[in-house]
N, C-alpha and C. Protein backbone atom coordinates (compact mmCIF):
# COMPACT_ATOMS: atom_id res chain seq x y z
N MET A 1 108.21 113.11 86.15
CA MET A 1 108.53 112.04 85.84
C MET A 1 110.12 112.01 84.73
N GLN A 2 111.28 111.61 84.86
CA GLN A 2 111.79 112.01 84.05
C GLN A 2 112.15 111.14 82.49
N ALA A 3 112.62 111.55 81.67
CA ALA A 3 112.32 111.34 80.69
C ALA A 3 113.13 109.67 80.59
N ARG A 4 114.01 109.72 80.94
CA ARG A 4 114.69 107.74 80.74
C ARG A 4 114.07 107.36 81.66
N ARG A 5 113.08 107.65 82.77
CA ARG A 5 112.63 106.50 83.33
C ARG A 5 111.10 106.14 83.04
N ALA A 6 110.17 107.32 82.15
CA ALA A 6 109.25 107.09 81.11
C ALA A 6 109.75 106.04 79.74
N ALA A 7 110.80 106.28 79.43
CA ALA A 7 111.37 105.89 78.66
C ALA A 7 111.41 104.22 78.80
N ARG A 8 111.99 104.15 80.13
CA ARG A 8 112.19 102.31 80.23
C ARG A 8 110.88 102.33 80.41
N GLU A 9 109.99 102.68 80.80
CA GLU A 9 108.29 101.82 81.10
C GLU A 9 108.13 101.65 79.80
N LEU A 10 108.13 103.02 78.19
CA LEU A 10 107.62 102.56 77.89
C LEU A 10 108.59 101.68 76.85
N ALA A 11 109.42 101.47 76.84
CA ALA A 11 110.82 100.13 76.44
C ALA A 11 110.01 99.04 76.68
N LEU A 12 109.60 98.70 77.95
CA LEU A 12 109.02 97.66 78.36
C LEU A 12 107.50 97.00 77.44
N ILE A 13 106.84 98.21 77.55
CA ILE A 13 105.81 97.66 76.92
C ILE A 13 105.72 97.69 75.07
N LEU A 14 106.76 97.94 74.83
CA LEU A 14 107.29 97.62 73.48
C LEU A 14 107.58 96.63 72.93
N PHE A 15 108.19 95.70 73.99
CA PHE A 15 109.30 94.73 74.18
C PHE A 15 107.88 93.72 74.20
N SER A 16 107.21 93.83 74.38
CA SER A 16 105.65 93.25 74.88
C SER A 16 104.96 93.13 73.56
N GLN A 17 105.64 94.06 72.42
CA GLN A 17 104.61 93.89 71.39
C GLN A 17 105.33 93.18 70.57
N PHE A 18 106.42 92.91 70.71
CA PHE A 18 107.37 92.02 69.53
C PHE A 18 106.66 90.95 68.66
N ASP A 19 106.56 90.36 67.90
CA ASP A 19 105.47 89.39 67.25
C ASP A 19 106.52 88.03 66.47
N LYS A 20 107.84 89.05 66.01
CA LYS A 20 108.17 88.03 65.07
C LYS A 20 109.87 88.38 65.77
N GLU A 21 111.05 88.01 64.77
CA GLU A 21 112.00 87.90 65.13
C GLU A 21 112.54 89.45 64.83
N ILE A 22 113.42 89.86 66.56
CA ILE A 22 113.82 91.46 66.63
C ILE A 22 114.70 91.95 64.71
N THR A 23 115.04 90.68 64.37
CA THR A 23 116.01 91.20 63.06
C THR A 23 114.99 91.99 62.04
N SER A 24 113.66 91.78 62.29
CA SER A 24 112.88 91.71 61.08
C SER A 24 112.54 93.09 61.20
N TYR A 25 112.68 93.96 62.74
CA TYR A 25 112.09 95.19 62.71
C TYR A 25 112.93 96.13 61.88
N SER A 26 112.22 97.62 61.66
CA SER A 26 112.93 98.23 61.29
C SER A 26 112.74 100.02 61.94
N SER A 27 113.62 100.72 62.20
CA SER A 27 113.49 101.60 62.67
C SER A 27 111.70 102.41 62.76
N LYS A 28 111.23 101.84 61.33
CA LYS A 28 109.84 102.97 61.49
C LYS A 28 109.48 101.80 62.17
N ASP A 29 109.24 100.74 62.45
CA ASP A 29 108.21 99.53 62.97
C ASP A 29 108.78 99.80 64.32
N PHE A 30 109.82 100.54 64.72
CA PHE A 30 109.66 100.34 66.82
C PHE A 30 108.90 101.73 66.68
N GLU A 31 109.03 102.96 65.33
CA GLU A 31 107.98 104.35 66.03
C GLU A 31 106.66 103.72 65.82
N ASP A 32 106.45 103.02 65.30
CA ASP A 32 104.73 102.74 65.34
C ASP A 32 104.25 101.65 66.24
N ILE A 33 105.25 101.00 66.86
CA ILE A 33 104.88 100.24 67.60
C ILE A 33 104.81 100.63 68.93
N MET A 34 105.23 101.60 69.24
CA MET A 34 106.03 102.90 70.65
C MET A 34 104.86 103.31 70.45
N LEU A 35 104.13 103.71 69.40
CA LEU A 35 102.67 104.61 69.38
C LEU A 35 101.97 104.09 69.97
N LYS A 36 101.64 102.73 69.11
CA LYS A 36 100.95 102.02 69.74
C LYS A 36 100.65 101.47 71.47
N SER A 37 101.58 101.50 71.68
CA SER A 37 101.91 101.06 73.27
C SER A 37 101.83 102.29 73.62
N VAL A 38 101.46 103.45 73.31
CA VAL A 38 100.99 104.59 74.49
C VAL A 38 99.63 104.61 74.53
N ARG A 39 98.83 104.04 73.31
CA ARG A 39 97.96 104.32 72.89
C ARG A 39 97.42 103.06 73.90
N ILE A 40 97.41 101.81 73.81
CA ILE A 40 97.75 100.33 75.08
C ILE A 40 97.66 101.01 76.39
N LEU A 41 98.58 101.78 76.81
CA LEU A 41 98.74 102.23 77.97
C LEU A 41 97.73 102.97 78.44
N SER A 42 97.31 103.86 77.64
CA SER A 42 96.45 105.01 77.83
C SER A 42 95.19 104.40 77.92
N ASN A 43 94.58 103.44 77.35
CA ASN A 43 93.49 102.96 76.73
C ASN A 43 93.18 101.93 78.25
N ASN A 44 94.40 101.62 78.50
CA ASN A 44 94.25 100.54 79.78
C ASN A 44 93.66 101.20 80.89
N SER A 45 94.47 102.25 80.70
CA SER A 45 94.22 102.58 81.78
C SER A 45 93.25 103.64 81.71
N SER A 46 92.72 103.57 80.99
CA SER A 46 91.20 104.48 80.73
C SER A 46 90.17 103.35 81.00
N GLU A 47 90.19 102.39 80.67
CA GLU A 47 89.39 101.48 81.07
C GLU A 47 89.64 100.92 82.66
N GLU A 48 90.83 100.60 83.59
CA GLU A 48 91.17 100.66 85.10
C GLU A 48 90.31 101.63 85.69
N LEU A 49 90.00 103.21 84.95
CA LEU A 49 89.62 104.08 85.78
C LEU A 49 88.19 104.21 85.68
N LYS A 50 87.69 103.83 84.52
CA LYS A 50 85.99 103.39 84.72
C LYS A 50 85.30 102.44 85.67
N LEU A 51 86.51 101.19 85.56
CA LEU A 51 85.93 100.11 86.47
C LEU A 51 86.60 100.40 87.95
N SER A 52 87.07 101.64 88.03
CA SER A 52 86.84 101.70 89.78
C SER A 52 86.23 102.77 89.73
N VAL A 53 85.42 103.14 89.21
CA VAL A 53 83.77 104.13 89.40
C VAL A 53 83.27 103.00 90.29
N GLY A 54 83.22 101.99 89.38
CA GLY A 54 82.42 101.10 90.95
C GLY A 54 82.96 100.88 92.13
N SER A 55 83.89 100.69 92.38
CA SER A 55 84.44 101.14 93.95
C SER A 55 84.43 102.48 94.49
N LEU A 56 84.03 103.20 93.85
CA LEU A 56 83.96 104.83 94.53
C LEU A 56 82.27 104.29 95.05
N ILE A 57 81.67 104.60 94.29
CA ILE A 57 80.15 103.97 94.18
C ILE A 57 79.73 102.98 95.69
N ASP A 58 80.68 101.99 95.85
CA ASP A 58 80.64 101.03 96.76
C ASP A 58 80.88 102.04 98.00
N ILE A 59 82.09 103.06 97.82
CA ILE A 59 82.14 103.65 99.41
C ILE A 59 81.58 104.06 99.50
N LYS A 60 81.25 105.00 98.81
CA LYS A 60 80.17 106.24 98.95
C LYS A 60 78.29 105.35 99.33
N ASN A 61 78.05 104.24 98.59
CA ASN A 61 77.27 103.50 99.35
C ASN A 61 77.17 103.41 100.77
N TYR A 62 78.37 102.95 100.89
CA TYR A 62 78.80 102.25 102.34
C TYR A 62 78.36 103.12 103.59
N ILE A 63 79.39 104.47 103.09
CA ILE A 63 79.24 105.72 103.85
C ILE A 63 77.68 106.23 104.06
N ASP A 64 76.88 106.48 103.04
CA ASP A 64 75.68 107.15 103.13
C ASP A 64 75.09 106.11 103.98
N THR A 65 74.76 105.02 103.76
CA THR A 65 73.95 104.00 104.48
C THR A 65 74.79 103.86 106.01
N TYR A 66 75.64 103.67 105.90
CA TYR A 66 76.15 103.84 107.68
C TYR A 66 75.49 105.28 108.19
N GLU A 67 75.78 105.98 107.86
CA GLU A 67 75.24 107.39 108.20
C GLU A 67 74.05 107.40 108.21
N ALA A 68 73.42 107.02 107.66
CA ALA A 68 71.45 107.01 107.48
C ALA A 68 71.50 106.47 108.53
N GLU A 69 71.77 105.53 108.82
CA GLU A 69 71.43 104.19 109.35
C GLU A 69 72.09 104.00 111.30
N HIS A 70 72.86 105.13 110.97
CA HIS A 70 73.39 105.24 112.72
C HIS A 70 72.35 105.59 113.81
N GLU A 71 72.71 104.86 114.66
CA GLU A 71 71.60 105.69 116.01
C GLU A 71 71.25 106.85 116.02
N SER A 72 72.67 107.49 115.75
CA SER A 72 72.04 109.33 116.14
C SER A 72 71.24 110.13 115.30
N ASN A 73 71.17 109.00 114.36
CA ASN A 73 70.32 109.76 113.02
C ASN A 73 68.63 108.82 112.99
N LEU A 74 68.75 107.77 113.08
CA LEU A 74 67.60 107.17 112.95
C LEU A 74 66.61 107.86 114.03
N SER A 75 67.10 108.60 115.14
CA SER A 75 66.36 109.18 116.05
C SER A 75 65.64 110.60 116.01
N ARG A 76 66.58 111.19 114.57
CA ARG A 76 66.06 112.30 114.17
C ARG A 76 64.72 112.63 113.13
N PRO A 77 64.39 113.55 113.40
CA PRO A 77 62.70 113.91 112.85
C PRO A 77 63.09 113.62 111.65
N ILE A 78 62.22 113.00 110.15
CA ILE A 78 61.91 112.97 109.01
C ILE A 78 61.80 113.92 108.37
N GLY A 79 62.61 114.03 107.54
CA GLY A 79 62.99 115.43 106.43
C GLY A 79 64.07 115.80 106.82
N VAL A 80 64.29 115.87 108.10
CA VAL A 80 65.93 116.40 108.66
C VAL A 80 66.67 115.80 108.46
N LYS A 81 67.73 116.80 107.89
CA LYS A 81 69.65 116.01 107.21
C LYS A 81 69.93 115.51 107.98
N ASP A 82 70.29 114.54 107.66
CA ASP A 82 71.25 113.33 108.58
C ASP A 82 72.81 114.11 109.00
N LYS A 83 72.85 114.30 110.24
CA LYS A 83 74.45 114.84 110.69
C LYS A 83 76.00 113.86 110.53
N PRO A 84 76.37 114.10 110.01
CA PRO A 84 78.02 112.97 109.93
C PRO A 84 78.16 112.58 111.69
N VAL A 85 78.93 111.34 111.00
CA VAL A 85 78.89 110.26 111.81
C VAL A 85 80.43 109.89 111.93
N ASP A 86 81.18 109.52 113.42
CA ASP A 86 82.30 109.33 113.27
C ASP A 86 82.22 107.62 112.22
N ILE A 87 83.21 107.21 111.70
CA ILE A 87 82.87 105.96 111.11
C ILE A 87 84.41 105.25 110.70
N PRO A 88 84.43 103.75 111.34
CA PRO A 88 85.49 102.95 110.94
C PRO A 88 85.46 102.22 110.42
N THR A 89 86.81 102.23 109.38
CA THR A 89 87.08 102.02 108.06
C THR A 89 87.73 100.28 108.13
N THR A 90 86.25 100.01 107.54
CA THR A 90 86.73 98.29 107.89
C THR A 90 87.57 97.77 106.73
N ALA A 91 87.92 96.51 106.79
CA ALA A 91 88.66 95.79 105.70
C ALA A 91 88.68 96.12 103.93
N GLU A 92 87.31 95.95 104.44
CA GLU A 92 86.70 96.05 102.76
C GLU A 92 86.75 97.35 102.04
N LEU A 93 86.49 98.39 103.41
CA LEU A 93 86.71 100.02 102.46
C LEU A 93 87.78 99.99 102.22
N SER A 94 88.86 99.72 103.17
CA SER A 94 90.11 99.93 102.91
C SER A 94 90.74 99.39 101.95
N GLN A 95 90.33 98.16 101.49
CA GLN A 95 91.30 97.52 100.03
C GLN A 95 90.29 97.98 98.75
N ASN A 96 89.09 98.92 98.61
CA ASN A 96 88.61 99.59 97.47
C ASN A 96 89.31 101.02 97.45
N ILE A 97 89.83 101.75 98.74
CA ILE A 97 89.98 102.82 98.39
C ILE A 97 91.72 102.60 98.35
N GLU A 98 91.93 101.68 98.43
CA GLU A 98 93.81 101.17 98.03
C GLU A 98 93.44 100.66 96.36
N THR A 99 92.36 100.03 95.86
CA THR A 99 92.30 99.44 94.38
C THR A 99 92.05 101.47 93.70
N VAL A 100 91.70 102.39 94.19
CA VAL A 100 91.12 103.27 93.39
C VAL A 100 92.56 104.24 93.34
N LEU A 101 93.16 104.12 94.43
CA LEU A 101 94.46 104.81 94.55
C LEU A 101 95.43 104.29 93.55
N ASP A 102 95.44 103.21 93.38
CA ASP A 102 96.75 102.35 92.16
C ASP A 102 95.88 102.39 90.92
N VAL A 103 94.53 102.10 90.54
CA VAL A 103 94.33 103.22 89.43
C VAL A 103 94.45 104.18 89.06
N VAL A 104 94.35 105.17 90.41
CA VAL A 104 94.78 106.52 89.85
C VAL A 104 96.49 106.77 89.62
N GLU A 105 97.09 105.92 90.24
CA GLU A 105 98.59 106.32 90.32
C GLU A 105 99.44 105.50 88.54
N LYS A 106 98.97 104.28 88.63
CA LYS A 106 98.71 103.93 86.48
C LYS A 106 98.31 104.90 85.55
N THR A 107 97.12 105.22 86.12
CA THR A 107 96.78 106.36 85.36
C THR A 107 97.93 108.03 84.95
N LEU A 108 98.20 107.88 86.03
CA LEU A 108 98.89 109.78 86.30
C LEU A 108 100.35 109.45 85.23
N LEU A 109 100.50 107.97 85.73
CA LEU A 109 101.85 107.22 84.79
C LEU A 109 101.82 107.08 83.40
N ALA A 110 101.14 106.70 83.40
CA ALA A 110 100.22 106.91 81.60
C ALA A 110 100.04 108.12 80.58
N LEU A 111 99.53 109.03 81.58
CA LEU A 111 99.18 110.31 80.85
C LEU A 111 100.64 110.89 80.74
N GLU A 112 101.97 110.36 82.24
CA GLU A 112 102.74 111.52 82.10
C GLU A 112 103.40 110.39 80.87
N ILE A 113 104.00 109.54 80.94
CA ILE A 113 104.37 109.03 79.32
C ILE A 113 104.00 109.61 78.20
N ALA A 114 102.30 109.35 78.01
CA ALA A 114 101.75 109.77 76.86
C ALA A 114 102.76 111.18 76.19
N GLU A 115 102.45 111.83 77.58
CA GLU A 115 103.10 113.35 77.40
C GLU A 115 104.34 113.78 76.98
N PHE A 116 105.02 112.74 77.96
CA PHE A 116 106.41 112.63 77.24
C PHE A 116 106.77 112.07 76.04
N THR A 117 105.97 111.69 75.52
CA THR A 117 106.23 110.68 73.92
C THR A 117 105.89 111.46 73.16
N THR A 118 104.62 112.36 72.99
CA THR A 118 104.19 113.22 72.09
C THR A 118 104.60 114.78 71.76
N LEU A 119 105.25 115.07 72.92
CA LEU A 119 105.41 116.42 72.92
C LEU A 119 107.15 116.57 72.37
N GLU A 120 106.91 117.16 71.41
CA GLU A 120 108.38 117.27 70.55
C GLU A 120 109.30 117.44 71.91
N ALA A 121 108.90 118.93 72.56
CA ALA A 121 110.32 119.25 73.53
C ALA A 121 110.91 117.68 74.02
N GLN A 122 110.32 117.08 74.08
CA GLN A 122 110.36 115.37 74.80
C GLN A 122 111.31 114.37 74.12
N SER A 123 111.05 114.95 72.67
CA SER A 123 111.45 113.62 71.95
C SER A 123 112.74 112.94 72.22
N ASP A 124 113.68 113.39 73.43
CA ASP A 124 114.53 112.35 74.13
C ASP A 124 113.77 110.76 74.73
N VAL A 125 112.83 111.20 74.92
CA VAL A 125 111.72 109.60 75.19
C VAL A 125 111.86 109.03 74.14
N GLN A 126 111.43 109.46 73.25
CA GLN A 126 111.29 108.48 71.91
C GLN A 126 112.89 107.82 71.43
N GLU A 127 113.64 108.72 71.59
CA GLU A 127 114.75 108.80 70.94
C GLU A 127 115.41 107.33 71.65
N TYR A 128 115.13 107.13 72.89
CA TYR A 128 116.09 106.27 74.17
C TYR A 128 115.18 105.13 73.63
N VAL A 129 113.98 105.04 73.28
CA VAL A 129 113.25 103.63 73.13
C VAL A 129 113.24 103.15 72.27
N ILE A 130 113.62 103.96 71.06
CA ILE A 130 114.32 103.80 69.99
C ILE A 130 115.67 103.58 70.11
N GLU A 131 116.96 103.67 70.56
CA GLU A 131 118.58 103.15 70.87
C GLU A 131 118.42 102.39 72.00
N ILE A 132 117.21 101.98 72.59
CA ILE A 132 117.57 100.84 73.11
C ILE A 132 116.50 99.74 71.89
N ALA A 133 115.54 99.82 71.47
CA ALA A 133 115.00 98.65 70.71
C ALA A 133 116.26 98.33 69.77
N GLU A 134 116.95 99.00 68.68
CA GLU A 134 117.98 99.31 68.21
C GLU A 134 119.37 98.29 68.60
N ALA A 135 119.60 98.10 70.02
CA ALA A 135 120.65 97.94 70.79
C ALA A 135 120.42 96.14 71.25
N PHE A 136 119.35 96.19 71.18
CA PHE A 136 118.60 94.58 71.22
C PHE A 136 118.24 94.18 70.21
N LYS A 137 118.36 95.03 69.24
CA LYS A 137 118.48 94.05 67.34
C LYS A 137 119.76 94.08 67.12
N ALA A 138 120.00 94.93 67.32
CA ALA A 138 121.80 94.58 66.96
C ALA A 138 123.03 93.85 67.63
N HIS A 139 122.21 93.44 69.41
CA HIS A 139 123.01 92.54 70.23
C HIS A 139 122.36 91.48 70.94
N HIS A 140 121.06 91.16 70.28
CA HIS A 140 120.02 90.40 71.21
C HIS A 140 120.56 88.54 71.40
N LYS A 141 121.46 88.31 70.18
CA LYS A 141 121.76 87.08 71.25
C LYS A 141 122.84 87.58 72.18
N GLU A 142 123.80 88.23 72.00
CA GLU A 142 124.69 88.32 73.61
C GLU A 142 123.97 88.59 74.44
N ILE A 143 123.01 89.55 74.65
CA ILE A 143 122.33 90.03 75.75
C ILE A 143 121.29 88.63 76.46
N ASP A 144 120.53 87.81 75.31
CA ASP A 144 120.15 86.52 75.83
C ASP A 144 121.31 85.76 76.88
N GLU A 145 122.46 85.71 75.71
CA GLU A 145 123.65 84.77 76.66
C GLU A 145 123.87 85.28 77.87
N GLU A 146 124.27 86.61 77.79
CA GLU A 146 124.07 87.23 79.40
C GLU A 146 123.11 87.01 80.58
N ILE A 147 122.00 86.93 79.93
CA ILE A 147 121.30 86.52 81.04
C ILE A 147 121.00 85.04 81.58
N GLN A 148 121.25 84.42 80.08
CA GLN A 148 121.10 83.04 80.50
C GLN A 148 122.66 82.20 81.05
N LYS A 149 123.87 83.06 81.00
CA LYS A 149 124.67 82.38 82.08
C LYS A 149 124.47 83.27 83.57
N HIS A 150 123.96 83.75 83.68
CA HIS A 150 123.66 84.36 85.06
C HIS A 150 122.54 83.84 85.58
N THR A 151 121.50 82.80 85.02
CA THR A 151 120.37 82.35 85.29
C THR A 151 120.95 80.83 85.93
N THR A 152 121.46 80.46 86.25
CA THR A 152 122.29 78.98 86.23
C THR A 152 121.29 78.34 86.70
N GLY A 153 120.85 77.22 85.92
CA GLY A 153 119.73 76.23 86.34
C GLY A 153 118.24 76.70 85.79
N TRP A 154 118.76 77.58 85.25
CA TRP A 154 116.96 78.09 84.57
C TRP A 154 117.65 78.26 83.03
N ASP A 155 116.64 77.59 82.22
CA ASP A 155 116.02 77.64 80.79
C ASP A 155 115.43 78.91 80.09
N ILE A 156 116.58 79.91 79.63
CA ILE A 156 116.06 81.34 79.06
C ILE A 156 114.56 81.17 78.53
N SER A 157 114.27 79.96 77.61
CA SER A 157 113.07 80.52 77.26
C SER A 157 111.82 80.29 78.16
N ARG A 158 112.02 79.68 79.05
CA ARG A 158 111.35 79.22 80.11
C ARG A 158 111.02 80.51 81.72
N LEU A 159 111.60 81.74 81.09
CA LEU A 159 111.75 82.55 82.29
C LEU A 159 110.55 83.57 81.84
N VAL A 160 109.55 84.24 83.21
CA VAL A 160 108.67 84.58 82.64
C VAL A 160 108.92 86.21 81.96
N LYS A 161 108.10 86.12 80.50
CA LYS A 161 108.39 87.12 79.72
C LYS A 161 108.66 88.42 80.08
N MET A 162 108.13 89.17 81.13
CA MET A 162 108.27 90.22 81.73
C MET A 162 109.40 90.62 83.09
N ASP A 163 110.07 89.69 82.89
CA ASP A 163 111.34 89.51 83.97
C ASP A 163 112.30 89.21 82.50
N LYS A 164 112.43 88.76 81.47
CA LYS A 164 113.45 88.37 80.58
C LYS A 164 113.38 90.03 80.16
N ASP A 165 112.19 90.34 79.82
CA ASP A 165 112.39 92.02 79.33
C ASP A 165 113.27 92.90 79.67
N ILE A 166 112.88 92.72 81.39
CA ILE A 166 113.54 94.00 82.27
C ILE A 166 114.71 93.70 82.12
N LEU A 167 115.49 92.50 81.96
CA LEU A 167 116.55 92.14 82.14
C LEU A 167 117.44 92.83 81.11
N ARG A 168 116.38 92.72 79.60
CA ARG A 168 117.16 92.60 78.56
C ARG A 168 117.61 94.35 78.66
N ILE A 169 116.50 95.15 79.11
CA ILE A 169 116.76 96.33 78.55
C ILE A 169 117.36 97.48 79.81
N ALA A 170 117.42 96.47 81.28
CA ALA A 170 118.93 96.96 82.05
C ALA A 170 119.90 96.54 80.93
N ILE A 171 120.30 95.44 80.88
CA ILE A 171 121.78 95.24 80.65
C ILE A 171 121.66 96.04 79.12
N ILE A 172 121.32 95.91 78.45
CA ILE A 172 121.29 97.05 76.93
C ILE A 172 121.78 98.37 77.39
N GLU A 173 121.20 99.71 78.48
CA GLU A 173 121.63 100.09 79.04
C GLU A 173 123.28 99.78 79.74
N LEU A 174 123.10 98.94 80.74
CA LEU A 174 124.67 98.85 81.40
C LEU A 174 125.63 98.41 80.32
N LEU A 175 125.67 97.71 78.98
CA LEU A 175 126.47 97.21 78.10
C LEU A 175 126.03 98.38 77.17
N TYR A 176 125.46 98.79 76.46
CA TYR A 176 125.17 99.16 75.03
C TYR A 176 125.22 100.85 75.35
N THR A 177 124.37 101.37 75.68
CA THR A 177 123.90 102.21 75.60
C THR A 177 124.61 103.57 76.42
N LYS A 178 125.63 102.76 77.69
CA LYS A 178 126.36 103.51 78.80
C LYS A 178 125.80 104.70 79.15
N GLY A 179 124.37 105.19 78.91
CA GLY A 179 124.00 106.33 79.35
C GLY A 179 123.55 107.09 80.54
N ALA A 180 123.02 106.01 81.33
CA ALA A 180 122.90 106.13 82.76
C ALA A 180 123.61 105.85 83.65
N PRO A 181 123.90 106.01 85.43
CA PRO A 181 124.61 105.43 86.28
C PRO A 181 124.34 104.44 86.21
N MET A 182 124.75 103.07 86.39
CA MET A 182 124.91 101.68 86.69
C MET A 182 123.86 101.31 87.87
N LYS A 183 123.72 102.25 89.05
CA LYS A 183 123.06 101.88 90.49
C LYS A 183 121.47 102.51 89.87
N VAL A 184 121.31 103.90 88.73
CA VAL A 184 120.02 103.99 88.91
C VAL A 184 119.25 103.26 87.43
N VAL A 185 120.02 102.24 86.68
CA VAL A 185 119.76 101.48 85.64
C VAL A 185 119.38 99.98 86.48
N VAL A 186 119.57 99.67 87.28
CA VAL A 186 119.59 98.57 88.45
C VAL A 186 118.10 98.53 89.07
N ASP A 187 118.35 100.04 89.98
CA ASP A 187 117.34 100.28 91.11
C ASP A 187 115.95 100.63 89.66
N GLU A 188 115.88 100.71 89.33
CA GLU A 188 114.68 101.06 88.40
C GLU A 188 114.17 99.83 87.68
N ALA A 189 115.10 98.72 87.45
CA ALA A 189 114.57 97.58 86.77
C ALA A 189 113.99 97.32 87.82
N VAL A 190 114.85 97.10 89.12
CA VAL A 190 113.57 96.32 90.19
C VAL A 190 112.82 97.02 90.45
N GLU A 191 112.50 98.12 90.36
CA GLU A 191 111.10 98.96 90.55
C GLU A 191 110.20 98.33 89.71
N LEU A 192 110.89 98.13 88.00
CA LEU A 192 109.39 97.92 87.16
C LEU A 192 109.14 96.46 87.24
N ALA A 193 110.17 95.52 88.21
CA ALA A 193 109.88 94.19 88.45
C ALA A 193 108.83 94.15 89.51
N LYS A 194 108.92 95.32 90.64
CA LYS A 194 108.07 95.18 91.60
C LYS A 194 106.52 95.63 90.95
N LYS A 195 106.52 96.65 89.71
CA LYS A 195 105.23 96.79 89.22
C LYS A 195 104.56 96.26 89.02
N TYR A 196 105.03 95.40 87.58
CA TYR A 196 104.98 94.70 86.41
C TYR A 196 104.98 93.14 86.77
N SER A 197 105.65 92.53 87.43
CA SER A 197 105.76 90.85 87.40
C SER A 197 105.17 90.57 88.58
N THR A 198 105.84 89.18 88.74
CA THR A 198 105.80 88.29 90.01
C THR A 198 106.40 89.02 91.09
N GLU A 199 105.53 88.15 92.09
CA GLU A 199 106.15 88.41 93.66
C GLU A 199 107.64 88.55 94.13
N ASP A 200 108.07 87.82 93.29
CA ASP A 200 109.70 87.24 93.78
C ASP A 200 110.51 87.75 92.69
N SER A 201 109.62 88.43 91.41
CA SER A 201 110.60 89.21 90.60
C SER A 201 111.67 90.05 90.94
N SER A 202 111.00 90.60 91.93
CA SER A 202 111.98 91.62 92.16
C SER A 202 113.41 91.40 92.38
N SER A 203 113.79 90.37 93.59
CA SER A 203 114.48 90.04 94.08
C SER A 203 115.79 89.08 92.74
N PHE A 204 115.06 88.43 91.98
CA PHE A 204 115.40 87.60 90.70
C PHE A 204 116.35 88.92 90.05
N VAL A 205 115.28 89.42 89.77
CA VAL A 205 115.84 90.86 88.67
C VAL A 205 117.16 91.49 89.37
N ASN A 206 117.20 91.55 90.22
CA ASN A 206 118.21 92.27 91.13
C ASN A 206 119.61 91.66 91.14
N GLY A 207 119.59 89.98 91.69
CA GLY A 207 120.33 88.96 91.57
C GLY A 207 121.32 89.27 90.55
N VAL A 208 120.34 88.99 89.25
CA VAL A 208 120.65 88.81 87.79
C VAL A 208 121.81 89.67 87.30
N LEU A 209 121.51 90.90 87.51
CA LEU A 209 122.02 92.61 87.33
C LEU A 209 122.84 92.59 88.76
N ALA A 210 122.97 91.68 89.81
CA ALA A 210 124.38 92.37 90.52
C ALA A 210 125.58 91.33 89.74
N LYS A 211 124.84 90.17 89.02
CA LYS A 211 125.83 89.23 88.33
C LYS A 211 127.00 89.64 87.09
N VAL A 212 125.60 90.20 86.58
CA VAL A 212 126.28 91.05 85.67
C VAL A 212 127.30 92.42 85.51
N VAL A 213 126.37 92.87 86.82
CA VAL A 213 127.50 94.19 86.94
C VAL A 213 128.76 93.38 87.45
N VAL A 214 129.66 92.53 87.62
CA VAL A 214 130.51 92.11 88.48
C VAL A 214 130.93 91.20 87.65
N ASP A 215 130.46 90.99 86.74
CA ASP A 215 131.20 89.89 85.74
C ASP A 215 131.72 90.90 84.58
N ASN A 216 130.73 91.78 84.57
CA ASN A 216 131.47 92.82 83.59
C ASN A 216 132.16 93.81 84.09
N GLY A 217 132.81 93.92 84.97
CA GLY A 217 133.41 94.84 86.22
C GLY A 217 133.11 96.29 85.95
N LEU A 218 131.99 96.44 85.73
CA LEU A 218 131.26 98.10 85.77
C LEU A 218 131.04 98.67 87.29
N LYS A 219 131.12 99.99 87.45
CA LYS A 219 130.90 100.61 88.29
C LYS A 219 130.10 101.84 88.35
């Protein structure tokens, strides 16, 4: 995982932890919340991993039962080890496997972010997250006005919080940090929306950012 991709994921979690006016936070507050965010991410992944054990047990029990009750094994002498049999993949079994794979992916992501954040050699992750947070503190009114301007018919206060935070981070990168290519910022904001928000969020985020890019003459 690239450092800035990890920083965007962590910044999104950081933004979700703000519980007061952004101007009330100091750089030390941002650092403390960021570390707390890493713990939350790791703990959530750990809990999901524990829950997924149930799905793995269900899959194993299904396979063991199917094998034992298959006609080719029912006719074998008692005490003789069952022989492997072909097994059809049912919809339920596929869903269980998909759930486990999703949990594994999230867990690996959480571990990567935690590693990037805690290793001294990767302090650029922490620095970039803080840079994003400080930019929001300094320009939060302009950033939210930018969102409001390009969401005609929507009240910004009623937008899905996750979508709003994804847009805030992307707009900060586009207008205030200037550190990443425009296409990368937009593409990764869309990916964050797909991963963490509602079904329609990715197209919504993409549409708003496209307007921001055009309106500000970005290339």
